Structures are given as structure tokens and as C-alpha cells.
């Protein structure tokens, strides 16, 4: 029974990862288009990949939940992760570090070794999960309904929190980018300082 819970939890984690990735790419289409081009996709294919990749990721996220589609979805997930990891390794070998944009505007950091390690960990998780799913294809049907639903709701709530955190990070980066420009304009420096002072007041009073 513990293995069944672990399989269900792993599938939910992967569903959240692919769901957030699809959502982020759809929400930041311009950033996704730029990242696709920087990853070496031929220009003629960039629009198709920009919209096709997150569509496939969304389908994978949904298909990971039902037991009758979980195994094929896991295989597709491994294929996508493998292709992306290979592209990252190739770019790093040539000294190129484009912005990942893996989760849209919330992941504006350039690729690096951390990207490869993260993908390898996800591939290992998906590999174990597909083997376990094939061995016991009735998960989550063999779990108590209330616990299976509770785990799914918790995964969805976690996805919302991660999405909000990514949006806050993106907003913070935009504000940091605007701050030097605001300070260089006449009259804007005082307003910026006043705004910072008001923020500090609220932080002290909270």
C-alpha cells in the first residue's frame, strides 16, 4: 500500500510540473518564442513549437492522472525531458546559456548545470513511476477514495502556490529593472524613496 501511495504522489508531482510548465509557456508566449529560437529550433518551426510544446505538456499533465493513460503519458514525459536535457547539454558545451523559460516568465534564469540535474531527477522519477505504474495499473483505484482525492487537491493547491510565487518573482524582477530608470528621472527619485518608506512602515507595523 505504501508503494501505491508513492506512485500516486509521484504522478501528481509530475502532473504539477508539466501543468505549471504548460501554463507558464502559454502565459508568456513572447518569452517562450524567444527561448525556442535561442535553443536552436529553425525559424520556420518556432511558432509551431511555441504553441505545440505547451499543448503537449498540458496533455501529459492531464493524462498522468487516470490510470489507463498514466503509463503512455509517463513515456512521453521521459521523451520530452530527455530531448530538452540533450539540448541543454549541447548548448552548455558550446558555452551558450540562453534563458530557460521552462515555466514562463517565472523562470527567467539562464540554463546551467542545475537545469541538467533537475531534469535528470525528473527523468529518474518518471522512469521509476512508469515501471511501478505498469506493475500496478490500478493506482489510484486501489487507494481509499478520500485519501486519493485529498492528495490530488493538495497537489493542485501546491501548484497554485508555486504559480503565485513565480508571479511574485517575475514582478519583483520587473520592479528591480524599473528602479534604476525611475531614479534617473527628475522627480521620480523622491517618489521612489517615499514608496520605499511607506513599504517599510507597513512592514514595521505588521
C-alpha atoms as a PDB file:
ATOM      1  CA  UNK A   1       0.000   0.000   0.000  1.00  0.00           C
ATOM      2  CA  UNK A   2       2.875   2.399   0.715  1.00  0.00           C
ATOM      3  CA  UNK A   3       4.163   1.865  -2.835  1.00  0.00           C
ATOM      4  CA  UNK A   4       0.710   2.681  -4.206  1.00  0.00           C
ATOM      5  CA  UNK A   5       0.707   5.974  -2.322  1.00  0.00           C
ATOM      6  CA  UNK A   6       4.225   6.707  -3.585  1.00  0.00           C
ATOM      7  CA  UNK A   7       3.175   6.018  -7.204  1.00  0.00           C
ATOM      8  CA  UNK A   8       0.147   8.271  -6.879  1.00  0.00           C
ATOM      9  CA  UNK A   9       2.202  11.026  -5.248  1.00  0.00           C
ATOM     10  CA  UNK A  10       4.894  10.784  -7.954  1.00  0.00           C
ATOM     11  CA  UNK A  11       2.330  11.049 -10.733  1.00  0.00           C
ATOM     12  CA  UNK A  12       0.747  14.072  -9.066  1.00  0.00           C
ATOM     13  CA  UNK A  13       4.154  15.751  -8.688  1.00  0.00           C
ATOM     14  CA  UNK A  14       4.935  15.194 -12.362  1.00  0.00           C
ATOM     15  CA  UNK A  15       1.449  16.378 -13.347  1.00  0.00           C
ATOM     16  CA  UNK A  16       2.027  19.590 -11.397  1.00  0.00           C
ATOM     17  CA  UNK A  17       5.452  20.101 -13.006  1.00  0.00           C
ATOM     18  CA  UNK A  18       4.150  19.646 -16.551  1.00  0.00           C
ATOM     19  CA  UNK A  19       0.983  21.603 -15.823  1.00  0.00           C
ATOM     20  CA  UNK A  20       2.929  24.582 -14.487  1.00  0.00           C
ATOM     21  CA  UNK A  21       5.335  24.361 -17.407  1.00  0.00           C
ATOM     22  CA  UNK A  22       2.458  24.441 -19.908  1.00  0.00           C
ATOM     23  CA  UNK A  23       0.684  27.271 -18.102  1.00  0.00           C
ATOM     24  CA  UNK A  24       3.834  29.366 -17.863  1.00  0.00           C
ATOM     25  CA  UNK A  25       4.628  28.957 -21.553  1.00  0.00           C
ATOM     26  CA  UNK A  26       1.094  29.852 -22.625  1.00  0.00           C
ATOM     27  CA  UNK A  27       1.039  32.882 -20.311  1.00  0.00           C
ATOM     28  CA  UNK A  28       4.403  34.174 -21.579  1.00  0.00           C
ATOM     29  CA  UNK A  29       4.169  33.391 -25.283  1.00  0.00           C
ATOM     30  CA  UNK A  30       6.703  36.037 -26.285  1.00  0.00           C
ATOM     31  CA  UNK A  31       9.290  34.722 -23.825  1.00  0.00           C
ATOM     32  CA  UNK A  32       8.597  31.169 -24.937  1.00  0.00           C
ATOM     33  CA  UNK A  33       9.025  32.138 -28.593  1.00  0.00           C
ATOM     34  CA  UNK A  34      12.352  33.789 -27.803  1.00  0.00           C
ATOM     35  CA  UNK A  35      13.585  30.798 -25.793  1.00  0.00           C
ATOM     36  CA  UNK A  36      12.563  28.350 -28.536  1.00  0.00           C
ATOM     37  CA  UNK A  37      14.577  30.323 -31.074  1.00  0.00           C
ATOM     38  CA  UNK A  38      17.608  30.528 -28.793  1.00  0.00           C
ATOM     39  CA  UNK A  39      17.517  26.753 -28.304  1.00  0.00           C
ATOM     40  CA  UNK A  40      18.295  26.291 -31.983  1.00  0.00           C
ATOM     41  CA  UNK A  41      14.855  25.495 -33.388  1.00  0.00           C
ATOM     42  CA  UNK A  42      14.667  26.517 -37.089  1.00  0.00           C
ATOM     43  CA  UNK A  43      12.863  29.824 -37.508  1.00  0.00           C
ATOM     44  CA  UNK A  44      10.116  28.272 -39.618  1.00  0.00           C
ATOM     45  CA  UNK A  45       9.264  25.886 -36.751  1.00  0.00           C
ATOM     46  CA  UNK A  46       9.395  28.420 -33.916  1.00  0.00           C
ATOM     47  CA  UNK A  47       5.656  29.373 -33.953  1.00  0.00           C
ATOM     48  CA  UNK A  48       4.601  25.718 -34.091  1.00  0.00           C
ATOM     49  CA  UNK A  49       6.892  24.699 -31.234  1.00  0.00           C
ATOM     50  CA  UNK A  50       5.911  27.785 -29.207  1.00  0.00           C
ATOM     51  CA  UNK A  51       2.303  26.645 -29.065  1.00  0.00           C
ATOM     52  CA  UNK A  52       2.683  22.919 -29.692  1.00  0.00           C
ATOM     53  CA  UNK A  53       5.114  22.195 -26.842  1.00  0.00           C
ATOM     54  CA  UNK A  54       2.963  23.610 -24.023  1.00  0.00           C
ATOM     55  CA  UNK A  55      -0.092  21.926 -25.560  1.00  0.00           C
ATOM     56  CA  UNK A  56       1.673  18.548 -25.357  1.00  0.00           C
ATOM     57  CA  UNK A  57       2.827  19.315 -21.801  1.00  0.00           C
ATOM     58  CA  UNK A  58      -0.754  20.133 -20.799  1.00  0.00           C
ATOM     59  CA  UNK A  59      -1.986  16.864 -22.292  1.00  0.00           C
ATOM     60  CA  UNK A  60       0.739  14.965 -20.424  1.00  0.00           C
ATOM     61  CA  UNK A  61      -0.237  16.659 -17.144  1.00  0.00           C
ATOM     62  CA  UNK A  62      -3.882  15.647 -17.576  1.00  0.00           C
ATOM     63  CA  UNK A  63      -3.080  12.125 -18.818  1.00  0.00           C
ATOM     64  CA  UNK A  64      -0.876  11.387 -15.793  1.00  0.00           C
ATOM     65  CA  UNK A  65      -3.918  11.264 -13.509  1.00  0.00           C
ATOM     66  CA  UNK A  66      -6.178   8.489 -14.950  1.00  0.00           C
ATOM     67  CA  UNK A  67      -4.693   5.002 -14.531  1.00  0.00           C
ATOM     68  CA  UNK A  68      -5.413   3.951 -18.135  1.00  0.00           C
ATOM     69  CA  UNK A  69      -3.376   6.814 -19.643  1.00  0.00           C
ATOM     70  CA  UNK A  70      -0.669   7.251 -16.993  1.00  0.00           C
ATOM     71  CA  UNK A  71       1.940   4.893 -18.481  1.00  0.00           C
ATOM     72  CA  UNK A  72       1.885   6.394 -22.013  1.00  0.00           C
ATOM     73  CA  UNK A  73       1.939   9.891 -20.513  1.00  0.00           C
ATOM     74  CA  UNK A  74       4.998   8.989 -18.442  1.00  0.00           C
ATOM     75  CA  UNK A  75       6.800   7.708 -21.531  1.00  0.00           C
ATOM     76  CA  UNK A  76       6.051  10.961 -23.358  1.00  0.00           C
ATOM     77  CA  UNK A  77       7.244  12.900 -20.302  1.00  0.00           C
ATOM     78  CA  UNK A  78      10.540  10.998 -20.316  1.00  0.00           C
ATOM     79  CA  UNK A  79      10.923  11.668 -24.061  1.00  0.00           C
ATOM     80  CA  UNK A  80      10.308  15.418 -23.638  1.00  0.00           C
ATOM     81  CA  UNK A  81      12.649  15.672 -20.663  1.00  0.00           C
ATOM     82  CA  UNK A  82      15.326  13.686 -22.485  1.00  0.00           C
ATOM     83  CA  UNK A  83      15.141  15.876 -25.580  1.00  0.00           C
ATOM     84  CA  UNK A  84      15.259  19.046 -23.508  1.00  0.00           C
ATOM     85  CA  UNK A  85      18.183  17.780 -21.421  1.00  0.00           C
ATOM     86  CA  UNK A  86      20.104  16.871 -24.572  1.00  0.00           C
ATOM     87  CA  UNK A  87      19.519  20.368 -25.964  1.00  0.00           C
ATOM     88  CA  UNK A  88      20.699  21.955 -22.704  1.00  0.00           C
ATOM     89  CA  UNK A  89      23.875  19.853 -22.612  1.00  0.00           C
ATOM     90  CA  UNK A  90      24.631  20.739 -26.242  1.00  0.00           C
ATOM     91  CA  UNK A  91      24.224  24.465 -25.610  1.00  0.00           C
ATOM     92  CA  UNK A  92      26.331  24.367 -22.457  1.00  0.00           C
ATOM     93  CA  UNK A  93      29.060  22.523 -24.338  1.00  0.00           C
ATOM     94  CA  UNK A  94      29.203  25.417 -26.803  1.00  0.00           C
ATOM     95  CA  UNK A  95      29.269  27.964 -24.000  1.00  0.00           C
ATOM     96  CA  UNK A  96      25.727  29.191 -24.614  1.00  0.00           C
ATOM     97  CA  UNK A  97      23.359  29.873 -21.729  1.00  0.00           C
ATOM     98  CA  UNK A  98      20.010  31.143 -23.020  1.00  0.00           C
ATOM     99  CA  UNK A  99      17.132  31.815 -20.666  1.00  0.00           C
ATOM    100  CA  UNK A 100      15.298  28.604 -19.863  1.00  0.00           C
ATOM    101  CA  UNK A 101      11.735  29.953 -19.817  1.00  0.00           C
ATOM    102  CA  UNK A 102      10.766  26.425 -18.749  1.00  0.00           C
ATOM    103  CA  UNK A 103       7.910  27.779 -16.626  1.00  0.00           C
ATOM    104  CA  UNK A 104       7.312  31.017 -18.476  1.00  0.00           C
ATOM    105  CA  UNK A 105       8.161  34.406 -17.005  1.00  0.00           C
ATOM    106  CA  UNK A 106       8.678  32.834 -13.583  1.00  0.00           C
ATOM    107  CA  UNK A 107      11.850  31.069 -14.751  1.00  0.00           C
ATOM    108  CA  UNK A 108      13.903  33.763 -16.420  1.00  0.00           C
ATOM    109  CA  UNK A 109      17.253  32.405 -15.209  1.00  0.00           C
ATOM    110  CA  UNK A 110      19.725  31.103 -17.809  1.00  0.00           C
ATOM    111  CA  UNK A 111      20.285  27.372 -18.151  1.00  0.00           C
ATOM    112  CA  UNK A 112      23.147  25.715 -16.289  1.00  0.00           C
ATOM    113  CA  UNK A 113      24.208  22.554 -14.505  1.00  0.00           C
ATOM    114  CA  UNK A 114      21.251  22.941 -12.169  1.00  0.00           C
ATOM    115  CA  UNK A 115      18.921  22.615 -15.147  1.00  0.00           C
ATOM    116  CA  UNK A 116      20.561  19.324 -16.145  1.00  0.00           C
ATOM    117  CA  UNK A 117      20.470  17.968 -12.580  1.00  0.00           C
ATOM    118  CA  UNK A 118      16.812  18.916 -12.186  1.00  0.00           C
ATOM    119  CA  UNK A 119      15.870  17.227 -15.453  1.00  0.00           C
ATOM    120  CA  UNK A 120      17.819  14.072 -14.616  1.00  0.00           C
ATOM    121  CA  UNK A 121      15.984  13.901 -11.282  1.00  0.00           C
ATOM    122  CA  UNK A 122      12.631  14.272 -13.068  1.00  0.00           C
ATOM    123  CA  UNK A 123      13.589  11.617 -15.629  1.00  0.00           C
ATOM    124  CA  UNK A 124      14.564   9.229 -12.814  1.00  0.00           C
ATOM    125  CA  UNK A 125      11.267   9.923 -11.026  1.00  0.00           C
ATOM    126  CA  UNK A 126       9.266   9.395 -14.219  1.00  0.00           C
ATOM    127  CA  UNK A 127      11.224   6.218 -15.021  1.00  0.00           C
ATOM    128  CA  UNK A 128      10.529   4.700 -11.613  1.00  0.00           C
ATOM    129  CA  UNK A 129       6.898   5.776 -11.805  1.00  0.00           C
ATOM    130  CA  UNK A 130       6.261   4.209 -15.207  1.00  0.00           C
ATOM    131  CA  UNK A 131       7.699   0.883 -14.034  1.00  0.00           C
ATOM    132  CA  UNK A 132       5.611   0.990 -10.851  1.00  0.00           C
ATOM    133  CA  UNK A 133       2.517   2.046 -12.797  1.00  0.00           C
ATOM    134  CA  UNK A 134       2.874  -0.851 -15.227  1.00  0.00           C
ATOM    135  CA  UNK A 135       3.334  -3.222 -12.284  1.00  0.00           C
ATOM    136  CA  UNK A 136       0.170  -1.937 -10.593  1.00  0.00           C
ATOM    137  CA  UNK A 137      -2.036  -0.218 -13.220  1.00  0.00           C
ATOM    138  CA  UNK A 138      -4.997   0.265 -10.855  1.00  0.00           C
ATOM    139  CA  UNK A 139      -3.482   3.158  -8.885  1.00  0.00           C
ATOM    140  CA  UNK A 140      -5.193   5.272  -7.590  1.00  0.00           C
ATOM    141  CA  UNK A 141      -8.202   2.949  -7.789  1.00  0.00           C
ATOM    142  CA  UNK A 142      -6.757   0.691  -5.088  1.00  0.00           C
ATOM    143  CA  UNK A 143      -6.394   3.634  -2.687  1.00  0.00           C
ATOM    144  CA  UNK A 144      -9.147   4.871  -0.377  1.00  0.00           C
ATOM    145  CA  UNK A 145     -11.105   7.450  -2.361  1.00  0.00           C
ATOM    146  CA  UNK A 146     -10.941  10.170   0.278  1.00  0.00           C
ATOM    147  CA  UNK A 147      -7.153   9.935   0.578  1.00  0.00           C
ATOM    148  CA  UNK A 148      -6.572   9.817  -3.172  1.00  0.00           C
ATOM    149  CA  UNK A 149      -8.758  12.900  -3.650  1.00  0.00           C
ATOM    150  CA  UNK A 150      -7.091  14.678  -0.726  1.00  0.00           C
ATOM    151  CA  UNK A 151      -3.660  14.100  -2.259  1.00  0.00           C
ATOM    152  CA  UNK A 152      -4.879  15.389  -5.617  1.00  0.00           C
ATOM    153  CA  UNK A 153      -6.371  18.510  -4.005  1.00  0.00           C
ATOM    154  CA  UNK A 154      -3.131  19.095  -2.089  1.00  0.00           C
ATOM    155  CA  UNK A 155      -1.168  18.805  -5.340  1.00  0.00           C
ATOM    156  CA  UNK A 156      -3.469  21.328  -7.011  1.00  0.00           C
ATOM    157  CA  UNK A 157      -3.154  23.713  -4.068  1.00  0.00           C
ATOM    158  CA  UNK A 158       0.620  23.345  -4.200  1.00  0.00           C
ATOM    159  CA  UNK A 159       0.570  24.160  -7.918  1.00  0.00           C
ATOM    160  CA  UNK A 160      -1.364  27.353  -7.219  1.00  0.00           C
ATOM    161  CA  UNK A 161       1.125  28.405  -4.531  1.00  0.00           C
ATOM    162  CA  UNK A 162       4.092  27.730  -6.810  1.00  0.00           C
ATOM    163  CA  UNK A 163       2.431  29.674  -9.619  1.00  0.00           C
ATOM    164  CA  UNK A 164       1.795  32.666  -7.340  1.00  0.00           C
ATOM    165  CA  UNK A 165       5.375  32.529  -6.075  1.00  0.00           C
ATOM    166  CA  UNK A 166       6.660  32.558  -9.654  1.00  0.00           C
ATOM    167  CA  UNK A 167       4.431  35.535 -10.486  1.00  0.00           C
ATOM    168  CA  UNK A 168       5.774  37.429  -7.470  1.00  0.00           C
ATOM    169  CA  UNK A 169       9.346  36.686  -8.531  1.00  0.00           C
ATOM    170  CA  UNK A 170       8.597  37.935 -12.032  1.00  0.00           C
ATOM    171  CA  UNK A 171       7.003  41.112 -10.656  1.00  0.00           C
ATOM    172  CA  UNK A 172       9.970  41.682  -8.350  1.00  0.00           C
ATOM    173  CA  UNK A 173      12.390  41.388 -11.277  1.00  0.00           C
ATOM    174  CA  UNK A 174      10.369  43.911 -13.272  1.00  0.00           C
ATOM    175  CA  UNK A 175      10.338  46.359 -10.367  1.00  0.00           C
ATOM    176  CA  UNK A 176      14.086  45.943  -9.877  1.00  0.00           C
ATOM    177  CA  UNK A 177      14.602  46.636 -13.576  1.00  0.00           C
ATOM    178  CA  UNK A 178      12.435  49.765 -13.430  1.00  0.00           C
ATOM    179  CA  UNK A 179      14.024  51.168 -10.253  1.00  0.00           C
ATOM    180  CA  UNK A 180      17.278  52.483 -11.863  1.00  0.00           C
ATOM    181  CA  UNK A 181      15.289  54.138 -14.659  1.00  0.00           C
ATOM    182  CA  UNK A 182      12.937  55.755 -12.143  1.00  0.00           C
ATOM    183  CA  UNK A 183      15.819  57.115 -10.083  1.00  0.00           C
ATOM    184  CA  UNK A 184      17.410  58.673 -13.169  1.00  0.00           C
ATOM    185  CA  UNK A 185      14.287  60.705 -13.991  1.00  0.00           C
ATOM    186  CA  UNK A 186      13.721  64.108 -12.338  1.00  0.00           C
ATOM    187  CA  UNK A 187      11.184  63.918  -9.539  1.00  0.00           C
ATOM    188  CA  UNK A 188      10.958  60.139  -9.645  1.00  0.00           C
ATOM    189  CA  UNK A 189      13.683  59.513  -7.086  1.00  0.00           C
ATOM    190  CA  UNK A 190      11.678  61.211  -4.335  1.00  0.00           C
ATOM    191  CA  UNK A 191       8.564  59.253  -5.215  1.00  0.00           C
ATOM    192  CA  UNK A 192      10.529  56.015  -5.181  1.00  0.00           C
ATOM    193  CA  UNK A 193      12.037  56.826  -1.788  1.00  0.00           C
ATOM    194  CA  UNK A 194       8.590  57.764  -0.461  1.00  0.00           C
ATOM    195  CA  UNK A 195       7.206  54.456  -1.754  1.00  0.00           C
ATOM    196  CA  UNK A 196      10.024  52.534  -0.107  1.00  0.00           C
ATOM    197  CA  UNK A 197       9.402  54.417   3.128  1.00  0.00           C
ATOM    198  CA  UNK A 198       5.726  53.526   3.038  1.00  0.00           C
ATOM    199  CA  UNK A 199       6.582  49.890   2.470  1.00  0.00           C
ATOM    200  CA  UNK A 200       8.969  49.932   5.401  1.00  0.00           C
ATOM    201  CA  UNK A 201       6.229  51.457   7.602  1.00  0.00           C
ATOM    202  CA  UNK A 202       3.799  48.699   6.747  1.00  0.00           C
ATOM    203  CA  UNK A 203       6.460  46.060   7.285  1.00  0.00           C
ATOM    204  CA  UNK A 204       7.248  47.518  10.712  1.00  0.00           C
ATOM    205  CA  UNK A 205       3.579  47.681  11.691  1.00  0.00           C
ATOM    206  CA  UNK A 206       2.858  44.099  10.593  1.00  0.00           C
END
